[in-house]
Amino acid sequence: MYSNALVMRVGGQTADVTVVAVGSGMYRICATVSVPDLGGRIIDDLLVEHFAAEFQRFAPITYIAFVSLN
């Protein structure tokens, strides 16, 4: 019996996702994809936006300032 696992790697320039079937001491790569324009600063900005929106759902505030460190 196999179990499926999703492996995600976010690097400085790309995001890579692979689906792996694991079982009985063996593994099989079912699919893999690489997105060349989703990494580094882009993924950081997306995560900040997501968690700011989640925070705002539980602690409503009227203003959020995003400060760039670059």
PDB file of N, CA and C in Angstrom:
ATOM      1  N   MET A   1       0.839  -1.176   0.000  1.00  0.00           N
ATOM      2  CA  MET A   1       0.000   0.000   0.000  1.00  0.00           C
ATOM      3  C   MET A   1       0.888   1.245   0.000  1.00  0.00           C
ATOM      4  N   TYR A   2       0.568   2.192  -0.828  1.00  0.00           N
ATOM      5  CA  TYR A   2       1.331   3.417  -0.959  1.00  0.00           C
ATOM      6  C   TYR A   2       0.599   4.582  -0.298  1.00  0.00           C
ATOM      7  N   SER A   3       1.375   5.493   0.237  1.00  0.00           N
ATOM      8  CA  SER A   3       0.856   6.763   0.738  1.00  0.00           C
ATOM      9  C   SER A   3       1.441   7.861  -0.132  1.00  0.00           C
ATOM     10  N   ASN A   4       0.653   8.872  -0.404  1.00  0.00           N
ATOM     11  CA  ASN A   4       1.134   9.983  -1.222  1.00  0.00           C
ATOM     12  C   ASN A   4       1.665  11.103  -0.331  1.00  0.00           C
ATOM     13  N   ALA A   5       2.736  11.726  -0.795  1.00  0.00           N
ATOM     14  CA  ALA A   5       3.325  12.853  -0.078  1.00  0.00           C
ATOM     15  C   ALA A   5       3.545  13.992  -1.061  1.00  0.00           C
ATOM     16  N   LEU A   6       3.330  15.201  -0.591  1.00  0.00           N
ATOM     17  CA  LEU A   6       3.574  16.400  -1.384  1.00  0.00           C
ATOM     18  C   LEU A   6       4.830  17.049  -0.822  1.00  0.00           C
ATOM     19  N   VAL A   7       5.833  17.225  -1.671  1.00  0.00           N
ATOM     20  CA  VAL A   7       7.096  17.831  -1.261  1.00  0.00           C
ATOM     21  C   VAL A   7       7.199  19.174  -1.961  1.00  0.00           C
ATOM     22  N   MET A   8       7.383  20.233  -1.162  1.00  0.00           N
ATOM     23  CA  MET A   8       7.471  21.579  -1.727  1.00  0.00           C
ATOM     24  C   MET A   8       8.786  22.208  -1.314  1.00  0.00           C
ATOM     25  N   ARG A   9       9.463  22.801  -2.268  1.00  0.00           N
ATOM     26  CA  ARG A   9      10.717  23.499  -2.015  1.00  0.00           C
ATOM     27  C   ARG A   9      10.608  24.892  -2.616  1.00  0.00           C
ATOM     28  N   VAL A  10      10.816  25.904  -1.788  1.00  0.00           N
ATOM     29  CA  VAL A  10      10.801  27.279  -2.268  1.00  0.00           C
ATOM     30  C   VAL A  10      12.216  27.820  -2.122  1.00  0.00           C
ATOM     31  N   GLY A  11      12.822  28.128  -3.244  1.00  0.00           N
ATOM     32  CA  GLY A  11      14.190  28.625  -3.236  1.00  0.00           C
ATOM     33  C   GLY A  11      14.234  30.110  -3.531  1.00  0.00           C
ATOM     34  N   GLY A  12      15.408  30.582  -3.865  1.00  0.00           N
ATOM     35  CA  GLY A  12      15.602  31.991  -4.136  1.00  0.00           C
ATOM     36  C   GLY A  12      14.990  32.446  -5.442  1.00  0.00           C
ATOM     37  N   GLN A  13      14.851  31.554  -6.396  1.00  0.00           N
ATOM     38  CA  GLN A  13      14.328  31.921  -7.718  1.00  0.00           C
ATOM     39  C   GLN A  13      13.110  31.118  -8.144  1.00  0.00           C
ATOM     40  N   THR A  14      12.922  29.909  -7.615  1.00  0.00           N
ATOM     41  CA  THR A  14      11.834  29.053  -8.076  1.00  0.00           C
ATOM     42  C   THR A  14      11.103  28.401  -6.910  1.00  0.00           C
ATOM     43  N   ALA A  15       9.918  27.882  -7.206  1.00  0.00           N
ATOM     44  CA  ALA A  15       9.174  27.026  -6.292  1.00  0.00           C
ATOM     45  C   ALA A  15       8.991  25.693  -7.010  1.00  0.00           C
ATOM     46  N   ASP A  16       9.310  24.604  -6.333  1.00  0.00           N
ATOM     47  CA  ASP A  16       9.207  23.275  -6.915  1.00  0.00           C
ATOM     48  C   ASP A  16       8.265  22.431  -6.066  1.00  0.00           C
ATOM     49  N   VAL A  17       7.381  21.690  -6.724  1.00  0.00           N
ATOM     50  CA  VAL A  17       6.442  20.805  -6.036  1.00  0.00           C
ATOM     51  C   VAL A  17       6.523  19.433  -6.686  1.00  0.00           C
ATOM     52  N   THR A  18       6.609  18.390  -5.827  1.00  0.00           N
ATOM     53  CA  THR A  18       6.683  17.018  -6.315  1.00  0.00           C
ATOM     54  C   THR A  18       5.701  16.162  -5.533  1.00  0.00           C
ATOM     55  N   VAL A  19       4.974  15.295  -6.223  1.00  0.00           N
ATOM     56  CA  VAL A  19       4.100  14.318  -5.579  1.00  0.00           C
ATOM     57  C   VAL A  19       4.819  12.981  -5.629  1.00  0.00           C
ATOM     58  N   VAL A  20       4.986  12.366  -4.436  1.00  0.00           N
ATOM     59  CA  VAL A  20       5.725  11.119  -4.316  1.00  0.00           C
ATOM     60  C   VAL A  20       4.823  10.072  -3.669  1.00  0.00           C
ATOM     61  N   ALA A  21       4.803   8.865  -4.222  1.00  0.00           N
ATOM     62  CA  ALA A  21       4.108   7.731  -3.617  1.00  0.00           C
ATOM     63  C   ALA A  21       5.154   6.917  -2.863  1.00  0.00           C
ATOM     64  N   VAL A  22       4.904   6.671  -1.565  1.00  0.00           N
ATOM     65  CA  VAL A  22       5.864   5.979  -0.711  1.00  0.00           C
ATOM     66  C   VAL A  22       5.191   4.762  -0.097  1.00  0.00           C
ATOM     67  N   GLY A  23       5.893   3.627  -0.121  1.00  0.00           N
ATOM     68  CA  GLY A  23       5.367   2.433   0.503  1.00  0.00           C
ATOM     69  C   GLY A  23       6.267   1.240   0.294  1.00  0.00           C
ATOM     70  N   SER A  24       6.239   0.308   1.230  1.00  0.00           N
ATOM     71  CA  SER A  24       7.012  -0.937   1.154  1.00  0.00           C
ATOM     72  C   SER A  24       8.496  -0.688   0.908  1.00  0.00           C
ATOM     73  N   GLY A  25       9.038   0.354   1.515  1.00  0.00           N
ATOM     74  CA  GLY A  25      10.451   0.656   1.374  1.00  0.00           C
ATOM     75  C   GLY A  25      10.837   1.215   0.018  1.00  0.00           C
ATOM     76  N   MET A  26       9.864   1.592  -0.783  1.00  0.00           N
ATOM     77  CA  MET A  26      10.138   2.136  -2.109  1.00  0.00           C
ATOM     78  C   MET A  26       9.386   3.450  -2.279  1.00  0.00           C
ATOM     79  N   TYR A  27       9.805   4.202  -3.274  1.00  0.00           N
ATOM     80  CA  TYR A  27       9.089   5.430  -3.593  1.00  0.00           C
ATOM     81  C   TYR A  27       8.998   5.590  -5.100  1.00  0.00           C
ATOM     82  N   ARG A  28       7.991   6.325  -5.524  1.00  0.00           N
ATOM     83  CA  ARG A  28       7.776   6.586  -6.942  1.00  0.00           C
ATOM     84  C   ARG A  28       7.386   8.049  -7.096  1.00  0.00           C
ATOM     85  N   ILE A  29       8.071   8.753  -7.977  1.00  0.00           N
ATOM     86  CA  ILE A  29       7.733  10.147  -8.253  1.00  0.00           C
ATOM     87  C   ILE A  29       6.576  10.153  -9.242  1.00  0.00           C
ATOM     88  N   CYS A  30       5.449  10.705  -8.811  1.00  0.00           N
ATOM     89  CA  CYS A  30       4.243  10.709  -9.646  1.00  0.00           C
ATOM     90  C   CYS A  30       4.169  11.948 -10.537  1.00  0.00           C
ATOM     91  N   ALA A  31       4.594  13.084 -10.008  1.00  0.00           N
ATOM     92  CA  ALA A  31       4.523  14.333 -10.776  1.00  0.00           C
ATOM     93  C   ALA A  31       5.469  15.339 -10.151  1.00  0.00           C
ATOM     94  N   THR A  32       5.950  16.237 -10.976  1.00  0.00           N
ATOM     95  CA  THR A  32       6.789  17.324 -10.478  1.00  0.00           C
ATOM     96  C   THR A  32       6.596  18.550 -11.359  1.00  0.00           C
ATOM     97  N   VAL A  33       6.670  19.723 -10.742  1.00  0.00           N
ATOM     98  CA  VAL A  33       6.521  20.970 -11.479  1.00  0.00           C
ATOM     99  C   VAL A  33       7.402  22.026 -10.818  1.00  0.00           C
ATOM    100  N   SER A  34       7.920  22.913 -11.637  1.00  0.00           N
ATOM    101  CA  SER A  34       8.742  24.012 -11.152  1.00  0.00           C
ATOM    102  C   SER A  34       8.167  25.310 -11.701  1.00  0.00           C
ATOM    103  N   VAL A  35       7.992  26.300 -10.822  1.00  0.00           N
ATOM    104  CA  VAL A  35       7.479  27.600 -11.223  1.00  0.00           C
ATOM    105  C   VAL A  35       8.636  28.592 -11.108  1.00  0.00           C
ATOM    106  N   PRO A  36       9.161  29.066 -12.240  1.00  0.00           N
ATOM    107  CA  PRO A  36      10.379  29.880 -12.207  1.00  0.00           C
ATOM    108  C   PRO A  36      10.213  31.279 -11.621  1.00  0.00           C
ATOM    109  N   ASP A  37       9.018  31.808 -11.583  1.00  0.00           N
ATOM    110  CA  ASP A  37       8.824  33.179 -11.105  1.00  0.00           C
ATOM    111  C   ASP A  37       8.198  33.246  -9.719  1.00  0.00           C
ATOM    112  N   LEU A  38       8.332  32.183  -8.941  1.00  0.00           N
ATOM    113  CA  LEU A  38       7.731  32.163  -7.607  1.00  0.00           C
ATOM    114  C   LEU A  38       8.769  31.681  -6.605  1.00  0.00           C
ATOM    115  N   GLY A  39       9.507  32.604  -6.082  1.00  0.00           N
ATOM    116  CA  GLY A  39      10.526  32.265  -5.098  1.00  0.00           C
ATOM    117  C   GLY A  39      11.026  33.528  -4.437  1.00  0.00           C
ATOM    118  N   GLY A  40      11.852  33.367  -3.461  1.00  0.00           N
ATOM    119  CA  GLY A  40      12.490  34.496  -2.801  1.00  0.00           C
ATOM    120  C   GLY A  40      11.510  35.534  -2.297  1.00  0.00           C
ATOM    121  N   ARG A  41      11.687  36.758  -2.706  1.00  0.00           N
ATOM    122  CA  ARG A  41      10.908  37.900  -2.227  1.00  0.00           C
ATOM    123  C   ARG A  41       9.420  37.755  -2.558  1.00  0.00           C
ATOM    124  N   ILE A  42       9.102  37.174  -3.710  1.00  0.00           N
ATOM    125  CA  ILE A  42       7.698  37.024  -4.108  1.00  0.00           C
ATOM    126  C   ILE A  42       6.944  36.162  -3.102  1.00  0.00           C
ATOM    127  N   ILE A  43       7.517  35.015  -2.743  1.00  0.00           N
ATOM    128  CA  ILE A  43       6.835  34.123  -1.805  1.00  0.00           C
ATOM    129  C   ILE A  43       6.776  34.757  -0.415  1.00  0.00           C
ATOM    130  N   ASP A  44       7.814  35.500  -0.029  1.00  0.00           N
ATOM    131  CA  ASP A  44       7.783  36.209   1.250  1.00  0.00           C
ATOM    132  C   ASP A  44       6.621  37.189   1.303  1.00  0.00           C
ATOM    133  N   ASP A  45       6.451  37.974   0.231  1.00  0.00           N
ATOM    134  CA  ASP A  45       5.364  38.955   0.184  1.00  0.00           C
ATOM    135  C   ASP A  45       3.998  38.280   0.232  1.00  0.00           C
ATOM    136  N   LEU A  46       3.840  37.168  -0.478  1.00  0.00           N
ATOM    137  CA  LEU A  46       2.571  36.443  -0.464  1.00  0.00           C
ATOM    138  C   LEU A  46       2.254  35.901   0.924  1.00  0.00           C
ATOM    139  N   LEU A  47       3.254  35.377   1.617  1.00  0.00           N
ATOM    140  CA  LEU A  47       3.039  34.861   2.966  1.00  0.00           C
ATOM    141  C   LEU A  47       2.663  35.979   3.936  1.00  0.00           C
ATOM    142  N   VAL A  48       3.318  37.128   3.843  1.00  0.00           N
ATOM    143  CA  VAL A  48       2.982  38.265   4.708  1.00  0.00           C
ATOM    144  C   VAL A  48       1.548  38.705   4.458  1.00  0.00           C
ATOM    145  N   GLU A  49       1.153  38.829   3.196  1.00  0.00           N
ATOM    146  CA  GLU A  49      -0.222  39.226   2.879  1.00  0.00           C
ATOM    147  C   GLU A  49      -1.234  38.235   3.425  1.00  0.00           C
ATOM    148  N   HIS A  50      -0.945  36.938   3.279  1.00  0.00           N
ATOM    149  CA  HIS A  50      -1.858  35.894   3.760  1.00  0.00           C
ATOM    150  C   HIS A  50      -2.032  35.966   5.275  1.00  0.00           C
ATOM    151  N   PHE A  51      -0.905  35.995   5.997  1.00  0.00           N
ATOM    152  CA  PHE A  51      -1.002  35.981   7.452  1.00  0.00           C
ATOM    153  C   PHE A  51      -1.531  37.295   8.009  1.00  0.00           C
ATOM    154  N   ALA A  52      -1.288  38.409   7.339  1.00  0.00           N
ATOM    155  CA  ALA A  52      -1.883  39.683   7.761  1.00  0.00           C
ATOM    156  C   ALA A  52      -3.399  39.614   7.622  1.00  0.00           C
ATOM    157  N   ALA A  53      -3.880  39.028   6.528  1.00  0.00           N
ATOM    158  CA  ALA A  53      -5.331  38.893   6.340  1.00  0.00           C
ATOM    159  C   ALA A  53      -5.923  37.952   7.384  1.00  0.00           C
ATOM    160  N   GLU A  54      -5.233  36.848   7.693  1.00  0.00           N
ATOM    161  CA  GLU A  54      -5.716  35.924   8.719  1.00  0.00           C
ATOM    162  C   GLU A  54      -5.750  36.609  10.086  1.00  0.00           C
ATOM    163  N   PHE A  55      -4.718  37.361  10.411  1.00  0.00           N
ATOM    164  CA  PHE A  55      -4.677  38.086  11.681  1.00  0.00           C
ATOM    165  C   PHE A  55      -5.827  39.074  11.766  1.00  0.00           C
ATOM    166  N   GLN A  56      -6.087  39.751  10.662  1.00  0.00           N
ATOM    167  CA  GLN A  56      -7.146  40.765  10.645  1.00  0.00           C
ATOM    168  C   GLN A  56      -8.515  40.134  10.852  1.00  0.00           C
ATOM    169  N   ARG A  57      -8.693  38.884  10.458  1.00  0.00           N
ATOM    170  CA  ARG A  57      -9.966  38.192  10.693  1.00  0.00           C
ATOM    171  C   ARG A  57     -10.244  38.034  12.181  1.00  0.00           C
ATOM    172  N   PHE A  58      -9.201  37.801  12.981  1.00  0.00           N
ATOM    173  CA  PHE A  58      -9.370  37.546  14.411  1.00  0.00           C
ATOM    174  C   PHE A  58      -9.175  38.793  15.267  1.00  0.00           C
ATOM    175  N   ALA A  59      -8.427  39.762  14.769  1.00  0.00           N
ATOM    176  CA  ALA A  59      -8.182  41.001  15.509  1.00  0.00           C
ATOM    177  C   ALA A  59      -8.334  42.162  14.529  1.00  0.00           C
ATOM    178  N   PRO A  60      -9.581  42.529  14.203  1.00  0.00           N
ATOM    179  CA  PRO A  60      -9.806  43.559  13.184  1.00  0.00           C
ATOM    180  C   PRO A  60      -9.098  44.872  13.513  1.00  0.00           C
ATOM    181  N   ILE A  61      -8.348  45.359  12.551  1.00  0.00           N
ATOM    182  CA  ILE A  61      -7.702  46.655  12.653  1.00  0.00           C
ATOM    183  C   ILE A  61      -7.957  47.398  11.349  1.00  0.00           C
ATOM    184  N   THR A  62      -7.782  48.691  11.364  1.00  0.00           N
ATOM    185  CA  THR A  62      -8.143  49.466  10.178  1.00  0.00           C
ATOM    186  C   THR A  62      -6.964  49.768   9.269  1.00  0.00           C
ATOM    187  N   TYR A  63      -5.724  49.529   9.717  1.00  0.00           N
ATOM    188  CA  TYR A  63      -4.588  49.907   8.900  1.00  0.00           C
ATOM    189  C   TYR A  63      -3.422  48.946   9.120  1.00  0.00           C
ATOM    190  N   ILE A  64      -2.854  48.459   8.037  1.00  0.00           N
ATOM    191  CA  ILE A  64      -1.648  47.636   8.105  1.00  0.00           C
ATOM    192  C   ILE A  64      -0.624  48.265   7.176  1.00  0.00           C
ATOM    193  N   ALA A  65       0.550  48.522   7.686  1.00  0.00           N
ATOM    194  CA  ALA A  65       1.623  49.091   6.868  1.00  0.00           C
ATOM    195  C   ALA A  65       2.649  48.010   6.578  1.00  0.00           C
ATOM    196  N   PHE A  66       3.013  47.847   5.319  1.00  0.00           N
ATOM    197  CA  PHE A  66       4.035  46.914   4.925  1.00  0.00           C
ATOM    198  C   PHE A  66       5.302  47.712   4.645  1.00  0.00           C
ATOM    199  N   VAL A  67       6.358  47.362   5.319  1.00  0.00           N
ATOM    200  CA  VAL A  67       7.625  48.065   5.157  1.00  0.00           C
ATOM    201  C   VAL A  67       8.596  47.163   4.411  1.00  0.00           C
ATOM    202  N   SER A  68       9.138  47.652   3.337  1.00  0.00           N
ATOM    203  CA  SER A  68      10.121  46.898   2.566  1.00  0.00           C
ATOM    204  C   SER A  68      11.499  47.100   3.174  1.00  0.00           C
ATOM    205  N   LEU A  69      12.250  46.023   3.326  1.00  0.00           N
ATOM    206  CA  LEU A  69      13.594  46.108   3.872  1.00  0.00           C
ATOM    207  C   LEU A  69      14.636  46.285   2.793  1.00  0.00           C
ATOM    208  N   ASN A  70      14.222  46.335   1.552  1.00  0.00           N
ATOM    209  CA  ASN A  70      15.180  46.490   0.453  1.00  0.00           C
ATOM    210  C   ASN A  70      15.440  47.932   0.153  1.00  0.00           C
TER     211      ASN A  70
END
